[in-house]
């Protein structure tokens, strides 16, 4: 189970708990408006609870939204897992050649270069020796031609030249043989190294080709996953928003439950205040009535005593009756009835028995 699924499960449990708490909390005051109407036959009214004042459809819709987003996330996660498994199976199917005991070092490459340079130098020496032999052969042909022109007689000078050339040619041929032997030796060594390095190159080429196939598979997997990453991020954000909304509802419903306790206390306070106000009003009415009667008596006594001697046009208003003052009520003064004092204590006990620590959404 992922972290978001765990958070959603915790919030669902908390939501179920607070909803059951609201269902168990009956509204007993007559002044509170019930959404239920009496049964047409029996006249009975369904029990009125705090649950009747919440929007269960909104709660269900929010939970459905959370579940749908989580299901989409689960589908994407499973698809990514399957894509990863397929990529790994493809990689496992690639045969990577085993490394052979063939080493290529920079010193070895330099040694080959040195052998090539030596072979080139030997080839230059061979060319010089061949050129020298050609020169001696030319001298020999010239001497034979001169001897034929002179009737086959070989002079002592020509003989000495031929003798010297013959001695030099044998030495040149001996040097040429040694040089050729060195060239063959170096050629054999170069060929051996060439075969080794060719095998190393072929092996490396096959290994690099296998690595390239693995890289291609990995790149394709990354591209496939990246194409779904934006959708996954959007769904994750939607889940976070829905979880925050659900947590807001849970908090609001708990505050609603505790606010009902405050409502009961406020109703009780207002009833007490109304009783005190009614007492003060009745007392004021009694005092006003008594003062009015006393004023009537005093005015009548004055008129009886002094009135016969006063002209009527001197002070006409002296015969007026005193004004009468009354206390009037505004509003429904008969709304509040008795309140059960144990109700607030009971609801406070229920709220305290369901203490809740909010889960972290991060």
Protein backbone atom coordinates (compact mmCIF):
# COMPACT_ATOMS: atom_id res chain seq x y z
CA UNK A 1 0.00 0.00 0.00
CA UNK A 2 1.36 3.38 -1.04
CA UNK A 3 1.56 6.41 1.23
CA UNK A 4 -1.39 8.12 -0.45
CA UNK A 5 -3.49 4.96 -0.20
CA UNK A 6 -2.66 4.75 3.50
CA UNK A 7 -3.62 8.40 3.98
CA UNK A 8 -6.89 7.86 2.11
CA UNK A 9 -7.67 4.77 4.19
CA UNK A 10 -6.99 6.65 7.45
CA UNK A 11 -9.23 9.52 6.37
CA UNK A 12 -12.00 7.12 5.34
CA UNK A 13 -11.89 5.56 8.78
CA UNK A 14 -11.99 8.97 10.44
CA UNK A 15 -14.89 10.02 8.20
CA UNK A 16 -16.81 6.86 9.09
CA UNK A 17 -16.16 7.49 12.79
CA UNK A 18 -17.40 11.07 12.79
CA UNK A 19 -20.46 10.17 10.67
CA UNK A 20 -21.41 7.45 13.15
CA UNK A 21 -20.91 9.99 15.92
CA UNK A 22 -23.30 12.40 14.19
CA UNK A 23 -25.84 9.63 13.63
CA UNK A 24 -25.76 8.75 17.33
CA UNK A 25 -26.26 12.36 18.45
CA UNK A 26 -29.99 12.99 18.72
CA UNK A 27 -31.37 16.52 18.55
CA UNK A 28 -33.92 16.74 21.39
CA UNK A 29 -34.79 20.44 21.51
CA UNK A 30 -38.21 21.38 20.18
CA UNK A 31 -36.96 24.69 18.82
CA UNK A 32 -34.48 22.99 16.43
CA UNK A 33 -35.90 22.40 12.99
CA UNK A 34 -36.19 18.75 11.97
CA UNK A 35 -36.04 17.76 8.29
CA UNK A 36 -38.45 14.86 8.97
CA UNK A 37 -42.21 15.12 8.64
CA UNK A 38 -44.63 13.05 10.75
CA UNK A 39 -45.84 9.79 9.30
CA UNK A 40 -49.21 10.25 7.63
CA UNK A 41 -50.68 7.18 9.35
CA UNK A 42 -48.96 6.78 12.69
CA UNK A 43 -48.00 10.40 13.18
CA UNK A 44 -44.59 9.33 14.40
CA UNK A 45 -41.55 11.42 13.47
CA UNK A 46 -38.23 9.86 12.61
CA UNK A 47 -35.46 10.48 15.14
CA UNK A 48 -33.74 13.79 14.50
CA UNK A 49 -29.91 13.59 14.63
CA UNK A 50 -27.01 15.83 13.64
CA UNK A 51 -26.41 13.50 10.68
CA UNK A 52 -29.59 14.85 9.10
CA UNK A 53 -27.82 18.19 8.55
CA UNK A 54 -24.79 17.00 6.55
CA UNK A 55 -24.51 16.36 2.80
CA UNK A 56 -23.85 12.64 2.51
CA UNK A 57 -23.86 12.86 -1.30
CA UNK A 58 -20.97 15.32 -1.18
CA UNK A 59 -19.05 12.97 1.12
CA UNK A 60 -19.71 10.01 -1.20
CA UNK A 61 -18.72 12.03 -4.27
CA UNK A 62 -15.47 13.07 -2.59
CA UNK A 63 -14.63 9.50 -1.64
CA UNK A 64 -15.44 8.33 -5.17
CA UNK A 65 -13.12 11.02 -6.55
CA UNK A 66 -10.31 9.87 -4.25
CA UNK A 67 -10.87 6.20 -5.19
CA UNK A 68 -10.94 6.96 -8.92
CA UNK A 69 -7.68 8.93 -8.74
CA UNK A 70 -6.01 6.20 -6.67
CA UNK A 71 -7.17 3.55 -9.14
CA UNK A 72 -5.72 5.55 -12.03
CA UNK A 73 -2.44 5.93 -10.14
CA UNK A 74 -2.44 2.20 -9.45
CA UNK A 75 -3.03 1.41 -13.13
CA UNK A 76 -0.18 3.70 -14.21
CA UNK A 77 2.11 2.23 -11.55
CA UNK A 78 1.31 -1.33 -12.64
CA UNK A 79 1.87 -0.40 -16.30
CA UNK A 80 5.23 1.14 -15.45
CA UNK A 81 6.15 -1.96 -13.45
CA UNK A 82 5.25 -4.19 -16.40
CA UNK A 83 7.23 -1.98 -18.79
CA UNK A 84 10.22 -2.20 -16.47
CA UNK A 85 9.88 -6.00 -16.28
CA UNK A 86 9.70 -6.25 -20.08
CA UNK A 87 12.79 -4.06 -20.44
CA UNK A 88 14.68 -6.24 -17.97
CA UNK A 89 13.61 -9.39 -19.82
CA UNK A 90 14.87 -7.91 -23.08
CA UNK A 91 18.16 -6.99 -21.43
CA UNK A 92 18.49 -10.48 -19.97
CA UNK A 93 18.01 -11.87 -23.51
CA UNK A 94 21.02 -9.97 -24.84
CA UNK A 95 24.14 -12.16 -24.98
CA UNK A 96 27.16 -10.21 -23.81
CA UNK A 97 30.40 -11.91 -24.93
CA UNK A 98 32.61 -13.08 -22.10
CA UNK A 99 35.85 -11.17 -21.77
CA UNK A 100 38.86 -13.07 -23.07
CA UNK A 101 42.37 -12.87 -21.67
CA UNK A 102 43.55 -10.42 -24.29
CA UNK A 103 45.12 -7.20 -23.18
CA UNK A 104 45.88 -4.18 -25.30
CA UNK A 105 48.27 -1.68 -23.81
CA UNK A 106 49.70 1.56 -25.07
CA UNK A 107 53.19 0.11 -24.70
CA UNK A 108 52.16 -2.74 -27.02
CA UNK A 109 50.88 -0.29 -29.62
CA UNK A 110 54.11 1.68 -29.38
CA UNK A 111 56.06 -1.58 -29.80
CA UNK A 112 54.17 -2.32 -33.03
CA UNK A 113 54.97 1.16 -34.28
CA UNK A 114 58.60 0.62 -33.45
CA UNK A 115 58.60 -2.70 -35.35
CA UNK A 116 57.01 -1.02 -38.37
CA UNK A 117 59.63 1.74 -38.28
CA UNK A 118 62.41 -0.85 -38.06
CA UNK A 119 60.89 -2.81 -40.97
CA UNK A 120 60.73 0.41 -43.00
CA UNK A 121 64.39 1.10 -42.24
CA UNK A 122 65.25 -2.48 -43.24
CA UNK A 123 63.34 -2.04 -46.48
CA UNK A 124 65.36 1.09 -47.19
CA UNK A 125 68.60 -0.85 -46.54
CA UNK A 126 67.44 -3.66 -48.83
CA UNK A 127 66.67 -1.11 -51.55
CA UNK A 128 70.16 0.35 -51.15
CA UNK A 129 71.75 -3.15 -51.29
CA UNK A 130 69.75 -4.05 -54.38
CA UNK A 131 70.76 -0.76 -55.96
CA UNK A 132 74.40 -1.51 -55.10
CA UNK A 133 74.14 -4.98 -56.64
CA UNK A 134 72.59 -3.47 -59.77
CA UNK A 135 75.52 -1.06 -59.93
CA UNK A 136 78.03 -3.94 -59.73
CA UNK A 137 76.09 -5.85 -62.38
CA UNK A 138 76.24 -2.81 -64.62
CA UNK A 139 80.01 -2.63 -64.13
CA UNK A 140 80.30 -6.33 -64.94
CA UNK A 141 78.30 -5.92 -68.17
CA UNK A 142 80.46 -2.92 -69.18
CA UNK A 143 83.67 -4.90 -68.52
CA UNK A 144 82.46 -7.92 -70.54
CA UNK A 145 81.46 -5.63 -73.42
CA UNK A 146 84.89 -3.95 -73.37
CA UNK A 147 86.59 -7.33 -73.27
CA UNK A 148 84.62 -8.51 -76.29
CA UNK A 149 85.58 -5.39 -78.20
CA UNK A 150 89.26 -6.01 -77.38
CA UNK A 151 89.18 -9.56 -78.71
CA UNK A 152 88.47 -11.36 -75.47
CA UNK A 153 91.55 -10.07 -73.70
CA UNK A 154 90.95 -9.09 -70.06
CA UNK A 155 93.26 -6.38 -68.82
CA UNK A 156 94.69 -6.43 -65.33
CA UNK A 157 92.69 -3.29 -64.39
CA UNK A 158 89.46 -4.84 -65.48
CA UNK A 159 90.34 -7.99 -63.60
CA UNK A 160 90.96 -6.04 -60.40
CA UNK A 161 87.64 -4.22 -60.83
CA UNK A 162 85.80 -7.49 -61.33
CA UNK A 163 87.54 -9.05 -58.34
CA UNK A 164 86.65 -6.10 -56.13
CA UNK A 165 83.04 -6.12 -57.29
CA UNK A 166 82.75 -9.84 -56.72
CA UNK A 167 84.02 -9.50 -53.15
CA UNK A 168 81.66 -6.58 -52.47
CA UNK A 169 78.65 -8.37 -53.95
CA UNK A 170 79.13 -11.37 -51.66
CA UNK A 171 79.22 -9.05 -48.65
CA UNK A 172 76.18 -7.18 -49.87
CA UNK A 173 74.30 -10.43 -50.37
CA UNK A 174 75.25 -11.58 -46.87
CA UNK A 175 74.00 -8.25 -45.40
CA UNK A 176 70.89 -8.52 -47.51
CA UNK A 177 70.19 -11.98 -46.09
CA UNK A 178 70.52 -10.76 -42.51
CA UNK A 179 68.29 -7.79 -43.23
CA UNK A 180 65.65 -10.03 -44.80
CA UNK A 181 65.78 -12.37 -41.81
CA UNK A 182 65.16 -9.41 -39.48
CA UNK A 183 62.28 -8.26 -41.65
CA UNK A 184 60.73 -11.74 -41.54
CA UNK A 185 61.12 -11.90 -37.74
CA UNK A 186 59.53 -8.49 -37.25
CA UNK A 187 56.77 -9.35 -39.75
CA UNK A 188 55.95 -12.50 -37.78
CA UNK A 189 55.82 -10.53 -34.52
CA UNK A 190 53.64 -7.84 -36.11
CA UNK A 191 51.31 -10.51 -37.50
CA UNK A 192 50.94 -12.15 -34.07
CA UNK A 193 50.14 -8.81 -32.48
CA UNK A 194 47.78 -7.98 -35.30
CA UNK A 195 45.87 -11.22 -34.76
CA UNK A 196 45.66 -10.52 -31.03
CA UNK A 197 44.49 -6.96 -31.50
CA UNK A 198 42.03 -8.01 -34.21
CA UNK A 199 40.51 -10.54 -31.80
CA UNK A 200 40.37 -7.84 -29.10
CA UNK A 201 38.72 -5.42 -31.54
CA UNK A 202 36.14 -8.00 -32.63
CA UNK A 203 35.36 -8.87 -29.01
CA UNK A 204 35.08 -5.21 -28.04
CA UNK A 205 32.84 -4.53 -31.04
CA UNK A 206 30.46 -7.30 -30.00
CA UNK A 207 30.43 -6.09 -26.37
CA UNK A 208 29.86 -2.48 -27.43
CA UNK A 209 27.02 -3.62 -29.70
CA UNK A 210 25.41 -5.44 -26.75
CA UNK A 211 25.82 -2.36 -24.56
CA UNK A 212 24.26 -0.23 -27.32
CA UNK A 213 21.24 -2.56 -27.41
CA UNK A 214 20.87 -2.28 -23.64
CA UNK A 215 21.12 1.51 -23.85
CA UNK A 216 18.47 1.58 -26.56
CA UNK A 217 16.11 -0.52 -24.45
CA UNK A 218 16.73 1.71 -21.44
CA UNK A 219 16.15 4.86 -23.48
CA UNK A 220 12.88 3.50 -24.88
CA UNK A 221 11.72 2.62 -21.35
CA UNK A 222 12.53 6.11 -20.10
CA UNK A 223 10.62 7.66 -23.01
CA UNK A 224 7.59 5.46 -22.35
CA UNK A 225 7.59 6.29 -18.63
CA UNK A 226 8.17 10.00 -19.23
CA UNK A 227 5.09 10.17 -21.46
CA UNK A 228 2.95 9.07 -18.48
CA UNK A 229 4.77 11.11 -15.86
CA UNK A 230 2.70 14.27 -16.45
CA UNK A 231 -0.54 12.33 -16.11
CA UNK A 232 0.77 10.66 -12.95
CA UNK A 233 1.78 14.02 -11.45
CA UNK A 234 -1.64 15.52 -12.26
CA UNK A 235 -3.43 12.57 -10.64
CA UNK A 236 -1.19 12.75 -7.57
CA UNK A 237 -2.01 16.45 -7.23
CA UNK A 238 -5.73 15.67 -7.59
CA UNK A 239 -5.44 13.03 -4.85
CA UNK A 240 -3.72 15.51 -2.54
CA UNK A 241 -6.46 18.08 -3.18
CA UNK A 242 -9.21 15.52 -2.58
CA UNK A 243 -7.55 14.31 0.62
CA UNK A 244 -7.27 17.88 1.85
CA UNK A 245 -10.97 18.40 1.06
CA UNK A 246 -11.85 15.20 2.90
CA UNK A 247 -9.76 16.22 5.88
CA UNK A 248 -11.55 19.59 5.81
CA UNK A 249 -14.90 17.80 5.97
CA UNK A 250 -13.75 15.59 8.84
CA UNK A 251 -12.57 18.66 10.74
CA UNK A 252 -15.77 20.56 9.97
CA UNK A 253 -17.99 17.68 11.10
CA UNK A 254 -16.09 17.37 14.38
CA UNK A 255 -16.42 21.12 14.88
CA UNK A 256 -20.12 20.78 14.03
CA UNK A 257 -20.50 18.09 16.71
CA UNK A 258 -18.79 20.21 19.35
CA UNK A 259 -20.60 23.37 18.18
CA UNK A 260 -23.90 21.63 18.93
CA UNK A 261 -22.84 21.49 22.58
CA UNK A 262 -22.28 25.23 22.44
CA UNK A 263 -25.70 25.63 20.82
CA UNK A 264 -27.37 23.78 23.71
CA UNK A 265 -25.54 26.01 26.21
CA UNK A 266 -26.53 29.14 24.25
CA UNK A 267 -30.19 28.08 24.20
CA UNK A 268 -30.04 27.52 27.95
CA UNK A 269 -28.42 30.91 28.46
CA UNK A 270 -31.00 32.67 26.33
CA UNK A 271 -33.84 31.02 28.21
CA UNK A 272 -32.38 32.21 31.46
CA UNK A 273 -31.87 35.69 30.03
CA UNK A 274 -35.46 35.72 28.80
CA UNK A 275 -36.76 34.74 32.21
CA UNK A 276 -34.78 37.54 33.80
CA UNK A 277 -35.97 40.03 31.16
CA UNK A 278 -39.60 38.93 31.59
CA UNK A 279 -39.27 39.38 35.34
CA UNK A 280 -37.87 42.85 34.86
CA UNK A 281 -40.66 43.69 32.37
CA UNK A 282 -43.40 42.51 34.72
CA UNK A 283 -41.85 44.47 37.55
CA UNK A 284 -41.67 47.58 35.35
CA UNK A 285 -45.27 47.13 34.28
CA UNK A 286 -46.43 46.87 37.88
CA UNK A 287 -44.50 49.99 38.84
CA UNK A 288 -45.85 51.92 35.85
CA UNK A 289 -49.43 50.88 36.68
CA UNK A 290 -48.99 51.90 40.32
CA UNK A 291 -47.48 55.26 39.34
CA UNK A 292 -50.33 55.85 36.87
CA UNK A 293 -53.01 55.13 39.51
CA UNK A 294 -51.25 57.40 42.00
CA UNK A 295 -51.06 60.20 39.42
CA UNK A 296 -54.82 59.85 38.74
CA UNK A 297 -55.55 60.07 42.45
CA UNK A 298 -53.36 63.16 42.96
CA UNK A 299 -54.84 64.99 39.94
CA UNK A 300 -58.43 64.20 41.01
CA UNK A 301 -57.75 65.51 44.52
CA UNK A 302 -56.34 68.75 43.07
CA UNK A 303 -59.35 69.26 40.82
CA UNK A 304 -61.76 68.53 43.66
CA UNK A 305 -59.96 70.96 45.98
CA UNK A 306 -59.00 73.85 43.70
CA UNK A 307 -60.99 73.33 40.52
CA UNK A 308 -64.20 75.10 41.60
CA UNK A 309 -62.31 78.34 42.00
CA UNK A 310 -60.41 78.32 38.70
CA UNK A 311 -61.84 79.65 35.44
CA UNK A 312 -61.95 76.94 32.77
CA UNK A 313 -60.29 79.10 30.16
CA UNK A 314 -57.35 79.95 32.41
CA UNK A 315 -55.68 76.51 32.02
CA UNK A 316 -57.74 74.19 29.84
CA UNK A 317 -55.24 71.24 29.93
CA UNK A 318 -55.43 70.97 33.70
CA UNK A 319 -58.43 68.72 33.17
CA UNK A 320 -56.45 66.27 30.91
CA UNK A 321 -55.80 62.71 32.22
CA UNK A 322 -52.16 61.68 32.82
CA UNK A 323 -50.34 59.75 30.03
CA UNK A 324 -50.22 55.95 30.34
CA UNK A 325 -46.83 54.16 29.63
CA UNK A 326 -46.61 50.51 28.55
CA UNK A 327 -43.77 47.98 27.87
CA UNK A 328 -44.03 46.17 24.55
CA UNK A 329 -42.18 43.01 23.39
CA UNK A 330 -40.44 42.61 20.00
CA UNK A 331 -39.83 39.14 18.61
CA UNK A 332 -41.02 35.66 19.59
CA UNK A 333 -40.76 35.73 23.36
CA UNK A 334 -42.42 32.35 23.73
CA UNK A 335 -39.89 30.37 21.61
CA UNK A 336 -37.72 28.92 24.40
CA UNK A 337 -38.92 26.04 26.54
CA UNK A 338 -37.15 24.03 29.23
CA UNK A 339 -33.68 22.61 28.65
CA UNK A 340 -32.19 19.36 29.91
CA UNK A 341 -29.00 20.22 31.75
CA UNK A 342 -27.53 16.73 31.32
CA UNK A 343 -27.51 17.09 27.51
CA UNK A 344 -24.44 19.32 27.35
CA UNK A 345 -22.48 17.16 29.79
CA UNK A 346 -23.28 14.03 27.77
CA UNK A 347 -22.25 15.54 24.43
CA UNK A 348 -19.02 16.88 25.96
CA UNK A 349 -18.21 13.36 27.18
CA UNK A 350 -18.85 11.88 23.72
CA UNK A 351 -16.65 14.45 21.98
CA UNK A 352 -13.78 13.92 24.43
CA UNK A 353 -13.98 10.14 23.99
CA UNK A 354 -13.27 10.48 20.25
CA UNK A 355 -10.09 12.52 20.31
CA UNK A 356 -8.42 12.64 16.92
CA UNK A 357 -4.87 13.36 15.73
CA UNK A 358 -4.92 14.63 12.12
CA UNK A 359 -2.76 12.62 9.67
CA UNK A 360 0.04 14.25 7.71
CA UNK A 361 -0.67 14.75 3.99
CA UNK A 362 2.97 15.36 3.04
